[in-house]
Amino acid sequence: MKVGRNDLGIDLLVDDQRLRTHLSMAQKRVGEYFIGHEVSRLLRATEANIVLDVGANVGQFAEGLRRSGYRGRIASFEPVAEPFARLSAAAESDDLWSAYPYALGADDGTAEINRVPGTMSSMLPASEFGRQWSDKLQQQTTETIQVRRLESVVDEVTHGLDPVRAYLKMDTQGFDLQVFEGAQGVLDRVVAMQSEASCVPIYDGMPRLPEQWATYEEAGFEAVGVYPVTRDKETLRAIEFDLVMVRPKEVRRPRA
């Protein structure tokens, strides 16, 4: 057991033997810890007054926001029936947290989603690598869901806010660029954002990190941090990252 120290007075307690055995999981947990603090700081610094939680699953991200101290509005979007029921129940006692039973995308309409146990349901089919990487991706069933453009619903979900200063969080298993396309007309209301981006696609047709990064930068967002989400144990490659970005001109409290 070791304790790492530095001149900031921050201690890190490390069990080297357990760390070597569970390195990937330790990296994931440390990343989740730091990204939670990064997002909390970003929400304060930009004075965001609503979080658009796209791909909410059962509400894990929103609950993490509440634990970190965020007290503003949250709009969570989850199209799959079973996790939406759990999401709705989680939000029921929170007057500032609303749940919506549809996906966000590039067009209004309906679509088939590949439903997978856990958090990996996707509008895209699993790739050959994805099926080998996770047994869950071999257990797909389909479900018909509603899809809306953010442009079509933003006035409803942000009703009463003036101005709207939104944090757009996207975790849609390969569909983030379609969500972003459907938000083009209202991106001026988004002060910061978060997107899950792939280096090793686990779904066919999903964009890779460089394409997503370039698209977001073209829209005026710049990187705050990049955090690994999942890894391939066999090859040690990082599979996905959470990319956190901000419009620099929207930072109002830079020391937050």
Protein backbone atom coordinates (compact mmCIF):
# COMPACT_ATOMS: atom_id res chain seq x y z
CA MET A 1 0.00 0.00 0.00
CA LYS A 2 1.41 3.38 -1.00
CA VAL A 3 0.35 6.95 -0.51
CA GLY A 4 1.27 9.39 -3.26
CA ARG A 5 1.75 12.99 -2.12
CA ASN A 6 2.37 16.31 -3.83
CA ASP A 7 2.78 19.96 -2.89
CA LEU A 8 -0.98 20.55 -3.23
CA GLY A 9 -1.66 18.39 -0.18
CA ILE A 10 -3.60 15.81 -2.23
CA ASP A 11 -3.09 12.18 -1.17
CA LEU A 12 -3.73 9.12 -3.33
CA LEU A 13 -3.90 5.77 -1.52
CA VAL A 14 -2.92 2.91 -3.84
CA ASP A 15 -2.82 -0.85 -3.31
CA ASP A 16 -0.25 -1.75 -5.99
CA GLN A 17 -1.09 -5.47 -6.07
CA ARG A 18 -4.83 -4.94 -6.50
CA LEU A 19 -4.16 -2.15 -8.98
CA ARG A 20 -2.13 -4.47 -11.20
CA THR A 21 -4.91 -7.08 -11.06
CA HIS A 22 -7.77 -4.64 -11.74
CA LEU A 23 -6.03 -1.86 -13.67
CA SER A 24 -8.76 -1.31 -16.28
CA MET A 25 -11.52 -1.10 -13.68
CA ALA A 26 -9.41 1.22 -11.52
CA GLN A 27 -8.80 3.51 -14.49
CA LYS A 28 -12.53 3.54 -15.27
CA ARG A 29 -13.48 4.44 -11.67
CA VAL A 30 -10.81 7.14 -11.42
CA GLY A 31 -11.97 8.55 -14.75
CA GLU A 32 -15.59 8.62 -13.58
CA TYR A 33 -14.51 10.44 -10.42
CA PHE A 34 -12.58 13.12 -12.29
CA ILE A 35 -15.12 13.61 -15.06
CA GLY A 36 -17.81 14.09 -12.40
CA HIS A 37 -15.81 16.90 -10.84
CA GLU A 38 -14.96 18.35 -14.26
CA VAL A 39 -18.61 18.49 -15.30
CA SER A 40 -19.63 20.02 -11.97
CA ARG A 41 -16.98 22.72 -12.37
CA LEU A 42 -18.07 23.34 -15.96
CA LEU A 43 -21.72 23.71 -15.00
CA ARG A 44 -20.79 26.33 -12.42
CA ALA A 45 -18.31 28.14 -14.67
CA THR A 46 -20.78 28.47 -17.55
CA GLU A 47 -23.76 29.10 -15.26
CA ALA A 48 -25.67 26.35 -17.08
CA ASN A 49 -29.32 26.24 -16.00
CA ILE A 50 -30.41 22.98 -17.65
CA VAL A 51 -28.75 19.67 -18.49
CA LEU A 52 -30.03 17.83 -21.57
CA ASP A 53 -29.32 14.21 -20.64
CA VAL A 54 -29.56 12.37 -23.97
CA GLY A 55 -29.35 8.60 -23.69
CA ALA A 56 -30.29 8.65 -20.02
CA ASN A 57 -30.84 4.90 -19.49
CA VAL A 58 -32.16 4.64 -15.89
CA GLY A 59 -30.89 8.05 -14.75
CA GLN A 60 -27.34 7.33 -13.61
CA PHE A 61 -25.89 10.56 -15.02
CA ALA A 62 -28.62 12.75 -13.54
CA GLU A 63 -28.30 11.11 -10.14
CA GLY A 64 -24.55 11.73 -10.27
CA LEU A 65 -25.22 15.41 -10.98
CA ARG A 66 -27.42 15.65 -7.92
CA ARG A 67 -24.81 13.94 -5.74
CA SER A 68 -22.21 16.42 -6.97
CA GLY A 69 -24.37 19.37 -5.93
CA TYR A 70 -26.03 20.48 -9.18
CA ARG A 71 -29.49 21.84 -8.36
CA GLY A 72 -30.62 23.15 -11.75
CA ARG A 73 -33.05 21.59 -14.21
CA ILE A 74 -32.45 18.25 -15.92
CA ALA A 75 -34.27 16.89 -18.98
CA SER A 76 -33.54 13.19 -19.49
CA PHE A 77 -34.33 11.37 -22.75
CA GLU A 78 -34.62 7.57 -22.89
CA PRO A 79 -36.58 5.79 -25.64
CA VAL A 80 -36.45 2.14 -24.49
CA ALA A 81 -39.54 1.23 -22.43
CA GLU A 82 -38.00 -0.76 -19.55
CA PRO A 83 -35.19 1.66 -18.62
CA PHE A 84 -37.55 4.61 -19.18
CA ALA A 85 -39.90 3.23 -16.52
CA ARG A 86 -37.02 3.15 -14.04
CA LEU A 87 -35.83 6.60 -15.15
CA SER A 88 -39.31 8.05 -14.69
CA ALA A 89 -39.55 6.57 -11.20
CA ALA A 90 -36.15 8.00 -10.26
CA ALA A 91 -37.14 11.48 -11.46
CA GLU A 92 -40.62 11.45 -9.90
CA SER A 93 -39.64 12.98 -6.56
CA ASP A 94 -37.43 15.69 -8.11
CA ASP A 95 -39.44 18.70 -9.28
CA LEU A 96 -36.58 19.95 -11.46
CA TRP A 97 -35.91 16.63 -13.24
CA SER A 98 -38.15 15.64 -16.18
CA ALA A 99 -38.04 12.40 -18.16
CA TYR A 100 -39.06 12.07 -21.83
CA PRO A 101 -39.80 8.70 -23.52
CA TYR A 102 -38.11 9.24 -26.85
CA ALA A 103 -34.70 9.41 -28.48
CA LEU A 104 -33.16 12.52 -29.99
CA GLY A 105 -31.88 12.32 -33.55
CA ALA A 106 -31.58 14.03 -36.91
CA ASP A 107 -35.26 13.58 -37.91
CA ASP A 108 -38.66 13.36 -36.26
CA GLY A 109 -40.29 9.94 -36.65
CA THR A 110 -39.98 6.34 -35.50
CA ALA A 111 -37.09 3.90 -35.67
CA GLU A 112 -36.02 0.44 -34.58
CA ILE A 113 -33.51 0.30 -31.76
CA ASN A 114 -31.36 -2.75 -30.99
CA ARG A 115 -32.15 -3.36 -27.37
CA VAL A 116 -29.32 -4.87 -25.31
CA PRO A 117 -29.24 -5.70 -21.57
CA GLY A 118 -27.64 -2.90 -19.55
CA THR A 119 -26.57 0.40 -21.08
CA MET A 120 -25.59 -0.54 -24.64
CA SER A 121 -28.84 -0.37 -26.62
CA SER A 122 -28.13 1.29 -29.96
CA MET A 123 -29.80 2.37 -33.19
CA LEU A 124 -26.84 0.69 -34.91
CA PRO A 125 -26.12 -3.06 -35.21
CA ALA A 126 -23.20 -4.49 -33.28
CA SER A 127 -19.95 -4.80 -35.22
CA GLU A 128 -18.03 -8.07 -35.45
CA PHE A 129 -15.56 -6.69 -32.92
CA GLY A 130 -18.41 -5.59 -30.66
CA ARG A 131 -19.99 -9.04 -30.62
CA GLN A 132 -16.65 -10.59 -29.71
CA TRP A 133 -15.92 -7.93 -27.09
CA SER A 134 -19.23 -8.19 -25.21
CA ASP A 135 -21.58 -11.15 -24.93
CA LYS A 136 -24.43 -8.69 -24.33
CA LEU A 137 -24.14 -7.48 -27.91
CA GLN A 138 -25.05 -11.00 -29.03
CA GLN A 139 -28.39 -10.71 -27.18
CA GLN A 140 -30.04 -8.00 -29.27
CA THR A 141 -33.78 -7.66 -29.66
CA THR A 142 -35.56 -4.82 -31.46
CA GLU A 143 -38.04 -2.26 -30.19
CA THR A 144 -39.86 0.50 -32.06
CA ILE A 145 -39.18 3.91 -30.55
CA GLN A 146 -40.03 7.57 -31.08
CA VAL A 147 -37.29 9.91 -32.34
CA ARG A 148 -37.42 13.72 -32.13
CA ARG A 149 -35.09 16.50 -33.22
CA LEU A 150 -33.86 18.63 -30.34
CA GLU A 151 -34.97 21.62 -32.40
CA SER A 152 -38.54 20.26 -32.26
CA VAL A 153 -38.71 19.86 -28.49
CA VAL A 154 -36.30 22.38 -26.99
CA ASP A 155 -38.96 25.01 -26.29
CA GLU A 156 -41.04 22.45 -24.40
CA VAL A 157 -38.22 21.04 -22.30
CA THR A 158 -36.69 24.45 -21.47
CA HIS A 159 -40.00 26.25 -20.87
CA GLY A 160 -39.63 29.10 -18.38
CA LEU A 161 -35.87 29.53 -18.79
CA ASP A 162 -34.70 32.85 -20.19
CA PRO A 163 -32.02 32.71 -21.35
CA VAL A 164 -31.47 29.00 -21.92
CA ARG A 165 -27.92 27.96 -20.99
CA ALA A 166 -27.82 24.24 -21.66
CA TYR A 167 -25.25 21.52 -21.06
CA LEU A 168 -25.78 18.87 -23.75
CA LYS A 169 -24.73 15.39 -22.61
CA MET A 170 -24.89 12.66 -25.26
CA ASP A 171 -24.38 8.95 -24.65
CA THR A 172 -26.28 7.20 -27.43
CA GLN A 173 -24.03 4.31 -28.43
CA GLY A 174 -22.89 5.61 -31.81
CA PHE A 175 -25.77 8.02 -32.53
CA ASP A 176 -24.34 11.24 -31.04
CA LEU A 177 -23.69 12.96 -34.38
CA GLN A 178 -27.32 12.44 -35.40
CA VAL A 179 -28.41 14.00 -32.09
CA PHE A 180 -26.07 16.90 -32.78
CA GLU A 181 -27.44 17.34 -36.32
CA GLY A 182 -30.96 17.59 -34.92
CA ALA A 183 -29.77 20.37 -32.60
CA GLN A 184 -28.21 22.61 -35.27
CA GLY A 185 -30.84 25.34 -35.07
CA VAL A 186 -30.59 25.69 -31.30
CA LEU A 187 -26.87 25.19 -30.66
CA ASP A 188 -26.63 28.84 -29.66
CA ARG A 189 -28.40 27.80 -26.45
CA VAL A 190 -25.74 25.14 -25.63
CA VAL A 191 -22.84 26.50 -23.56
CA ALA A 192 -21.00 23.21 -23.05
CA MET A 193 -21.36 19.58 -24.01
CA GLN A 194 -20.26 15.99 -23.51
CA SER A 195 -20.17 13.20 -26.07
CA GLU A 196 -19.12 9.56 -26.01
CA ALA A 197 -16.67 9.02 -28.88
CA SER A 198 -15.24 5.78 -30.24
CA CYS A 199 -11.73 4.73 -31.23
CA VAL A 200 -12.64 1.07 -31.85
CA PRO A 201 -16.25 0.92 -33.11
CA ILE A 202 -18.41 -1.65 -31.35
CA TYR A 203 -21.32 -0.85 -33.70
CA ASP A 204 -21.33 -0.85 -37.50
CA GLY A 205 -21.43 2.63 -38.98
CA MET A 206 -20.60 4.54 -35.81
CA PRO A 207 -18.32 7.56 -36.20
CA ARG A 208 -14.87 7.64 -34.65
CA LEU A 209 -13.45 10.20 -32.25
CA PRO A 210 -11.61 12.36 -34.85
CA GLU A 211 -14.81 12.85 -36.89
CA GLN A 212 -16.87 13.76 -33.84
CA TRP A 213 -14.19 16.07 -32.44
CA ALA A 214 -13.90 17.91 -35.75
CA THR A 215 -17.69 18.30 -36.03
CA TYR A 216 -18.00 19.77 -32.56
CA GLU A 217 -15.03 22.11 -33.06
CA GLU A 218 -16.54 23.37 -36.31
CA ALA A 219 -19.64 24.30 -34.28
CA GLY A 220 -17.54 26.37 -31.87
CA PHE A 221 -16.82 23.94 -29.02
CA GLU A 222 -13.31 23.31 -27.68
CA ALA A 223 -12.03 20.45 -25.55
CA VAL A 224 -11.95 20.61 -21.75
CA GLY A 225 -11.01 16.97 -21.19
CA VAL A 226 -10.97 13.48 -22.73
CA TYR A 227 -11.66 10.53 -20.42
CA PRO A 228 -11.40 6.80 -21.27
CA VAL A 229 -14.63 4.87 -20.76
CA THR A 230 -13.95 1.29 -21.90
CA ARG A 231 -10.94 -0.76 -22.97
CA ASP A 232 -10.21 -4.00 -24.79
CA LYS A 233 -8.41 -6.31 -22.36
CA GLU A 234 -6.90 -8.41 -25.13
CA THR A 235 -5.16 -5.59 -27.01
CA LEU A 236 -5.08 -2.88 -24.29
CA ARG A 237 -6.73 -0.43 -26.73
CA ALA A 238 -9.07 2.28 -25.49
CA ILE A 239 -12.48 1.69 -27.09
CA GLU A 240 -14.43 4.79 -26.11
CA PHE A 241 -13.82 8.18 -24.51
CA ASP A 242 -16.03 10.83 -22.98
CA LEU A 243 -15.20 14.10 -24.73
CA VAL A 244 -16.10 17.18 -22.64
CA MET A 245 -16.19 20.54 -24.48
CA VAL A 246 -17.12 24.17 -23.92
CA ARG A 247 -17.76 27.35 -25.85
CA PRO A 248 -14.89 29.42 -24.38
CA LYS A 249 -16.83 32.68 -24.61
CA GLU A 250 -19.56 31.19 -22.39
CA VAL A 251 -17.28 30.71 -19.38
CA ARG A 252 -18.49 33.34 -16.93
CA ARG A 253 -16.83 32.15 -13.74
CA PRO A 254 -13.38 30.90 -14.82
CA ARG A 255 -12.19 30.16 -11.30
CA ALA A 256 -15.17 27.95 -10.41
